[in-house]
Amino acid sequence: MKEDKRKEKGEKKPKKDTNKEITRDFTVNLHKRLHKIQFKKRGKRAINEIRRFAQKQMWTKDVRMDAELNHYVWKNGIRDIPNKVRIRISKKKNQDEDAKEAFFCLVQNVDVEDFSGLRTENAKA
């Protein structure tokens, strides 16, 4: 309905504000991202897929992984990666003056007992 009115008036969609600090919780399905990946490359690929997911969601190239998240992904070895992982992505301002990016993302593990019914939500920072 709103899109039809916008098209009639010739208006464009409002752009997302990518220049603010934000924290969100996501559930990443690693099972579908690692389908048909050979066993000896699954651990590294899982970390890269989480990094790629954070870049896409938060519009930044600088992604930093928490050691606890890394430990959670690798805890069963290179082959047996968890099917899903609940992560908290915090987009923060970069304090380094000579940094290429103005913002960076910190990706942390969120411990949950059950993944059913979880949705993307803004975290209380």
N, C-alpha and C. Protein backbone atom coordinates (compact mmCIF):
# COMPACT_ATOMS: atom_id res chain seq x y z
N MET A 1 0.81 -1.18 0.00
CA MET A 1 0.00 0.00 0.00
C MET A 1 0.87 1.26 0.00
N LYS A 2 1.84 1.31 0.92
CA LYS A 2 2.71 2.48 0.99
C LYS A 2 3.60 2.57 -0.23
N GLU A 3 4.04 1.40 -0.74
CA GLU A 3 4.91 1.40 -1.90
C GLU A 3 4.19 1.95 -3.13
N ASP A 4 2.89 1.62 -3.25
CA ASP A 4 2.10 2.14 -4.38
C ASP A 4 2.00 3.66 -4.32
N LYS A 5 1.79 4.20 -3.13
CA LYS A 5 1.70 5.65 -2.99
C LYS A 5 3.03 6.31 -3.30
N ARG A 6 4.11 5.66 -2.88
CA ARG A 6 5.45 6.20 -3.14
C ARG A 6 5.73 6.22 -4.64
N LYS A 7 5.34 5.16 -5.33
CA LYS A 7 5.58 5.09 -6.76
C LYS A 7 4.79 6.16 -7.51
N GLU A 8 3.56 6.40 -7.04
CA GLU A 8 2.74 7.41 -7.69
C GLU A 8 3.35 8.81 -7.53
N LYS A 9 3.90 9.07 -6.35
CA LYS A 9 4.47 10.39 -6.09
C LYS A 9 5.89 10.52 -6.59
N GLY A 10 6.52 9.41 -6.95
CA GLY A 10 7.89 9.45 -7.44
C GLY A 10 8.92 9.50 -6.32
N GLU A 11 8.52 9.11 -5.11
CA GLU A 11 9.45 9.13 -3.98
C GLU A 11 10.28 7.86 -3.95
N LYS A 12 11.45 7.97 -3.33
CA LYS A 12 12.31 6.81 -3.16
C LYS A 12 12.17 6.28 -1.74
N LYS A 13 12.61 5.03 -1.57
CA LYS A 13 12.64 4.43 -0.24
C LYS A 13 13.64 5.17 0.63
N PRO A 14 13.35 5.37 1.90
CA PRO A 14 14.34 6.02 2.76
C PRO A 14 15.53 5.09 2.99
N LYS A 15 16.73 5.68 2.99
CA LYS A 15 17.94 4.89 3.18
C LYS A 15 18.12 4.55 4.64
N LYS A 16 18.79 3.41 4.89
CA LYS A 16 19.09 3.01 6.26
C LYS A 16 20.20 3.90 6.80
N ASP A 17 20.09 4.23 8.07
CA ASP A 17 21.15 5.00 8.73
C ASP A 17 22.21 4.02 9.20
N THR A 18 23.32 3.96 8.49
CA THR A 18 24.37 3.00 8.81
C THR A 18 25.42 3.58 9.73
N ASN A 19 25.26 4.83 10.15
CA ASN A 19 26.29 5.50 10.94
C ASN A 19 25.85 5.69 12.39
N LYS A 20 25.36 4.64 13.02
CA LYS A 20 25.05 4.72 14.44
C LYS A 20 25.38 3.40 15.12
N GLU A 21 25.64 3.48 16.40
CA GLU A 21 25.98 2.29 17.17
C GLU A 21 24.71 1.52 17.48
N ILE A 22 24.78 0.20 17.36
CA ILE A 22 23.61 -0.64 17.56
C ILE A 22 24.06 -2.03 18.00
N THR A 23 23.21 -2.71 18.74
CA THR A 23 23.49 -4.07 19.20
C THR A 23 22.27 -4.92 18.95
N ARG A 24 22.47 -6.06 18.27
CA ARG A 24 21.36 -6.96 17.95
C ARG A 24 21.75 -8.40 18.20
N ASP A 25 20.74 -9.23 18.49
CA ASP A 25 20.94 -10.67 18.66
C ASP A 25 20.37 -11.38 17.44
N PHE A 26 21.14 -12.33 16.90
CA PHE A 26 20.75 -13.10 15.73
C PHE A 26 20.95 -14.58 16.00
N THR A 27 20.19 -15.40 15.28
CA THR A 27 20.45 -16.83 15.24
C THR A 27 20.96 -17.15 13.84
N VAL A 28 22.15 -17.74 13.76
CA VAL A 28 22.76 -18.07 12.47
C VAL A 28 22.66 -19.58 12.30
N ASN A 29 22.06 -20.00 11.20
CA ASN A 29 21.95 -21.41 10.88
C ASN A 29 23.20 -21.84 10.11
N LEU A 30 24.14 -22.43 10.83
CA LEU A 30 25.39 -22.86 10.19
C LEU A 30 25.19 -24.11 9.36
N HIS A 31 24.16 -24.89 9.69
CA HIS A 31 23.93 -26.15 8.98
C HIS A 31 23.70 -25.91 7.49
N LYS A 32 22.89 -24.93 7.16
CA LYS A 32 22.63 -24.66 5.74
C LYS A 32 23.80 -23.95 5.06
N ARG A 33 24.62 -23.24 5.83
CA ARG A 33 25.77 -22.57 5.24
C ARG A 33 26.95 -23.50 5.03
N LEU A 34 26.96 -24.64 5.71
CA LEU A 34 28.07 -25.60 5.59
C LEU A 34 27.66 -26.84 4.81
N HIS A 35 26.51 -26.82 4.19
CA HIS A 35 26.05 -27.96 3.40
C HIS A 35 27.00 -28.20 2.23
N LYS A 36 27.41 -29.43 2.05
CA LYS A 36 28.31 -29.87 0.98
C LYS A 36 29.72 -29.28 1.10
N ILE A 37 30.14 -28.93 2.31
CA ILE A 37 31.51 -28.49 2.55
C ILE A 37 32.25 -29.66 3.16
N GLN A 38 33.44 -29.94 2.63
CA GLN A 38 34.16 -31.12 3.11
C GLN A 38 34.54 -30.94 4.58
N PHE A 39 34.68 -32.08 5.27
CA PHE A 39 34.83 -32.08 6.72
C PHE A 39 36.02 -31.28 7.22
N LYS A 40 37.13 -31.36 6.57
CA LYS A 40 38.33 -30.71 7.06
C LYS A 40 38.35 -29.20 6.85
N LYS A 41 37.30 -28.66 6.23
CA LYS A 41 37.23 -27.21 6.00
C LYS A 41 36.03 -26.57 6.70
N ARG A 42 35.28 -27.36 7.47
CA ARG A 42 34.05 -26.85 8.08
C ARG A 42 34.28 -25.84 9.19
N GLY A 43 35.27 -26.05 10.02
CA GLY A 43 35.51 -25.14 11.14
C GLY A 43 35.86 -23.74 10.68
N LYS A 44 36.82 -23.65 9.79
CA LYS A 44 37.24 -22.35 9.27
C LYS A 44 36.11 -21.69 8.47
N ARG A 45 35.39 -22.48 7.70
CA ARG A 45 34.28 -21.93 6.90
C ARG A 45 33.18 -21.41 7.81
N ALA A 46 32.92 -22.08 8.93
CA ALA A 46 31.88 -21.60 9.85
C ALA A 46 32.23 -20.22 10.40
N ILE A 47 33.48 -20.02 10.77
CA ILE A 47 33.91 -18.72 11.27
C ILE A 47 33.79 -17.67 10.16
N ASN A 48 34.18 -18.02 8.95
CA ASN A 48 34.07 -17.08 7.82
C ASN A 48 32.62 -16.74 7.50
N GLU A 49 31.72 -17.71 7.63
CA GLU A 49 30.30 -17.46 7.36
C GLU A 49 29.70 -16.54 8.42
N ILE A 50 30.10 -16.70 9.67
CA ILE A 50 29.63 -15.79 10.73
C ILE A 50 30.14 -14.38 10.46
N ARG A 51 31.40 -14.28 10.05
CA ARG A 51 31.99 -12.98 9.72
C ARG A 51 31.25 -12.33 8.55
N ARG A 52 30.95 -13.10 7.51
CA ARG A 52 30.24 -12.59 6.34
C ARG A 52 28.82 -12.14 6.72
N PHE A 53 28.16 -12.91 7.60
CA PHE A 53 26.83 -12.55 8.07
C PHE A 53 26.86 -11.21 8.81
N ALA A 54 27.86 -11.02 9.67
CA ALA A 54 27.98 -9.77 10.43
C ALA A 54 28.25 -8.59 9.51
N GLN A 55 29.07 -8.79 8.48
CA GLN A 55 29.35 -7.71 7.52
C GLN A 55 28.08 -7.30 6.80
N LYS A 56 27.29 -8.27 6.42
CA LYS A 56 26.06 -7.98 5.67
C LYS A 56 25.02 -7.28 6.54
N GLN A 57 24.89 -7.70 7.79
CA GLN A 57 23.86 -7.14 8.65
C GLN A 57 24.21 -5.74 9.16
N MET A 58 25.49 -5.50 9.43
CA MET A 58 25.89 -4.24 10.06
C MET A 58 26.59 -3.26 9.13
N TRP A 59 26.75 -3.59 7.88
CA TRP A 59 27.31 -2.69 6.87
C TRP A 59 28.71 -2.21 7.24
N THR A 60 29.57 -3.12 7.67
CA THR A 60 30.95 -2.76 7.98
C THR A 60 31.88 -3.91 7.62
N LYS A 61 33.09 -3.58 7.24
CA LYS A 61 34.05 -4.61 6.83
C LYS A 61 34.88 -5.12 8.00
N ASP A 62 35.06 -4.28 9.02
CA ASP A 62 35.89 -4.63 10.17
C ASP A 62 35.05 -5.42 11.17
N VAL A 63 35.25 -6.75 11.21
CA VAL A 63 34.50 -7.63 12.11
C VAL A 63 35.49 -8.32 13.04
N ARG A 64 35.23 -8.23 14.33
CA ARG A 64 36.10 -8.84 15.33
C ARG A 64 35.31 -9.92 16.07
N MET A 65 35.91 -11.11 16.15
CA MET A 65 35.24 -12.25 16.76
C MET A 65 35.71 -12.41 18.20
N ASP A 66 34.78 -12.71 19.08
CA ASP A 66 35.09 -12.96 20.48
C ASP A 66 35.70 -14.35 20.62
N ALA A 67 36.63 -14.50 21.55
CA ALA A 67 37.29 -15.79 21.76
C ALA A 67 36.31 -16.86 22.22
N GLU A 68 35.30 -16.46 22.99
CA GLU A 68 34.29 -17.42 23.47
C GLU A 68 33.46 -17.98 22.32
N LEU A 69 33.14 -17.15 21.34
CA LEU A 69 32.42 -17.61 20.16
C LEU A 69 33.28 -18.59 19.37
N ASN A 70 34.55 -18.27 19.21
CA ASN A 70 35.47 -19.14 18.50
C ASN A 70 35.56 -20.50 19.21
N HIS A 71 35.63 -20.47 20.52
CA HIS A 71 35.69 -21.71 21.30
C HIS A 71 34.41 -22.52 21.14
N TYR A 72 33.26 -21.85 21.12
CA TYR A 72 31.96 -22.53 20.97
C TYR A 72 31.87 -23.24 19.61
N VAL A 73 32.33 -22.59 18.57
CA VAL A 73 32.26 -23.18 17.23
C VAL A 73 33.21 -24.38 17.11
N TRP A 74 34.38 -24.27 17.70
CA TRP A 74 35.41 -25.30 17.54
C TRP A 74 35.38 -26.37 18.64
N LYS A 75 34.46 -26.31 19.60
CA LYS A 75 34.53 -27.18 20.77
C LYS A 75 34.45 -28.67 20.45
N ASN A 76 33.78 -29.06 19.37
CA ASN A 76 33.67 -30.48 19.01
C ASN A 76 34.61 -30.87 17.88
N GLY A 77 35.54 -30.01 17.53
CA GLY A 77 36.49 -30.33 16.48
C GLY A 77 36.14 -29.66 15.17
N ILE A 78 36.93 -29.98 14.16
CA ILE A 78 36.79 -29.31 12.85
C ILE A 78 35.56 -29.82 12.10
N ARG A 79 35.16 -31.06 12.34
CA ARG A 79 34.08 -31.66 11.57
C ARG A 79 32.70 -31.38 12.14
N ASP A 80 32.57 -31.50 13.46
CA ASP A 80 31.25 -31.46 14.10
C ASP A 80 30.95 -30.05 14.60
N ILE A 81 30.52 -29.20 13.70
CA ILE A 81 30.20 -27.81 14.01
C ILE A 81 28.75 -27.75 14.48
N PRO A 82 28.41 -26.91 15.46
CA PRO A 82 27.01 -26.80 15.89
C PRO A 82 26.12 -26.35 14.73
N ASN A 83 24.89 -26.88 14.69
CA ASN A 83 23.98 -26.54 13.60
C ASN A 83 23.55 -25.07 13.63
N LYS A 84 23.32 -24.54 14.82
CA LYS A 84 22.92 -23.15 14.97
C LYS A 84 23.75 -22.50 16.05
N VAL A 85 23.89 -21.19 15.94
CA VAL A 85 24.60 -20.43 16.95
C VAL A 85 23.85 -19.10 17.14
N ARG A 86 23.68 -18.71 18.39
CA ARG A 86 23.04 -17.44 18.72
C ARG A 86 24.15 -16.44 18.98
N ILE A 87 24.15 -15.33 18.24
CA ILE A 87 25.23 -14.36 18.36
C ILE A 87 24.68 -12.97 18.66
N ARG A 88 25.51 -12.16 19.30
CA ARG A 88 25.20 -10.75 19.55
C ARG A 88 26.22 -9.94 18.77
N ILE A 89 25.73 -9.11 17.86
CA ILE A 89 26.61 -8.27 17.06
C ILE A 89 26.46 -6.83 17.54
N SER A 90 27.58 -6.26 17.97
CA SER A 90 27.60 -4.88 18.45
C SER A 90 28.41 -4.04 17.47
N LYS A 91 27.77 -3.04 16.93
CA LYS A 91 28.45 -2.11 16.04
C LYS A 91 28.91 -0.92 16.87
N LYS A 92 30.23 -0.69 16.89
CA LYS A 92 30.80 0.34 17.74
C LYS A 92 31.68 1.29 16.94
N LYS A 93 31.85 2.48 17.47
CA LYS A 93 32.69 3.47 16.82
C LYS A 93 34.16 3.09 17.02
N ASN A 94 34.95 3.24 15.97
CA ASN A 94 36.37 2.89 16.01
C ASN A 94 37.14 4.03 16.66
N GLN A 95 37.91 3.72 17.72
CA GLN A 95 38.66 4.75 18.44
C GLN A 95 40.01 5.05 17.80
N ASP A 96 40.48 4.17 16.94
CA ASP A 96 41.77 4.34 16.29
C ASP A 96 41.67 5.44 15.22
N GLU A 97 42.56 6.43 15.27
CA GLU A 97 42.47 7.56 14.34
C GLU A 97 42.79 7.17 12.91
N ASP A 98 43.78 6.29 12.73
CA ASP A 98 44.17 5.94 11.36
C ASP A 98 43.51 4.65 10.89
N ALA A 99 42.28 4.40 11.32
CA ALA A 99 41.55 3.22 10.87
C ALA A 99 40.85 3.52 9.55
N LYS A 100 40.73 2.50 8.72
CA LYS A 100 40.07 2.68 7.42
C LYS A 100 38.56 2.83 7.60
N GLU A 101 37.99 2.09 8.54
CA GLU A 101 36.55 2.10 8.77
C GLU A 101 36.23 2.96 9.99
N ALA A 102 35.09 3.65 9.95
CA ALA A 102 34.67 4.46 11.09
C ALA A 102 34.06 3.60 12.19
N PHE A 103 33.51 2.44 11.82
CA PHE A 103 32.88 1.55 12.78
C PHE A 103 33.47 0.15 12.66
N PHE A 104 33.34 -0.63 13.74
CA PHE A 104 33.69 -2.05 13.70
C PHE A 104 32.60 -2.84 14.40
N CYS A 105 32.54 -4.14 14.12
CA CYS A 105 31.56 -5.03 14.73
C CYS A 105 32.26 -5.99 15.67
N LEU A 106 31.69 -6.18 16.83
CA LEU A 106 32.15 -7.19 17.77
C LEU A 106 31.09 -8.27 17.82
N VAL A 107 31.48 -9.51 17.51
CA VAL A 107 30.54 -10.63 17.47
C VAL A 107 30.81 -11.51 18.68
N GLN A 108 29.76 -11.73 19.50
CA GLN A 108 29.88 -12.52 20.71
C GLN A 108 28.87 -13.64 20.72
N ASN A 109 29.18 -14.68 21.48
CA ASN A 109 28.28 -15.82 21.63
C ASN A 109 27.26 -15.52 22.71
N VAL A 110 26.00 -15.93 22.48
CA VAL A 110 24.95 -15.82 23.48
C VAL A 110 24.49 -17.23 23.79
N ASP A 111 24.63 -17.64 25.04
CA ASP A 111 24.23 -18.99 25.43
C ASP A 111 22.72 -19.09 25.54
N VAL A 112 22.15 -20.05 24.83
CA VAL A 112 20.72 -20.34 24.93
C VAL A 112 20.55 -21.85 25.06
N GLU A 113 19.48 -22.27 25.73
CA GLU A 113 19.22 -23.69 25.88
C GLU A 113 18.49 -24.26 24.68
N ASP A 114 17.58 -23.44 24.10
CA ASP A 114 16.76 -23.92 22.99
C ASP A 114 16.64 -22.80 21.96
N PHE A 115 16.75 -23.16 20.69
CA PHE A 115 16.70 -22.16 19.62
C PHE A 115 15.28 -21.90 19.11
N SER A 116 14.30 -22.66 19.57
CA SER A 116 12.96 -22.50 19.03
C SER A 116 12.34 -21.20 19.53
N GLY A 117 11.70 -20.49 18.61
CA GLY A 117 11.00 -19.26 18.94
C GLY A 117 11.86 -18.02 19.05
N LEU A 118 13.16 -18.15 18.80
CA LEU A 118 14.03 -16.98 18.89
C LEU A 118 13.96 -16.18 17.60
N ARG A 119 13.97 -14.86 17.74
CA ARG A 119 13.94 -13.99 16.58
C ARG A 119 15.05 -12.95 16.72
N THR A 120 15.28 -12.22 15.65
CA THR A 120 16.25 -11.13 15.71
C THR A 120 15.66 -10.04 16.58
N GLU A 121 16.46 -9.57 17.53
CA GLU A 121 15.95 -8.53 18.42
C GLU A 121 17.07 -7.59 18.82
N ASN A 122 16.71 -6.37 19.14
CA ASN A 122 17.69 -5.41 19.62
C ASN A 122 18.06 -5.80 21.04
N ALA A 123 19.35 -5.89 21.31
CA ALA A 123 19.81 -6.30 22.62
C ALA A 123 19.88 -5.10 23.54
N LYS A 124 19.76 -5.36 24.82
CA LYS A 124 19.92 -4.31 25.80
C LYS A 124 21.40 -4.13 26.06
N ALA A 125 21.95 -3.03 25.62
CA ALA A 125 23.40 -2.81 25.73
C ALA A 125 23.79 -2.23 27.06
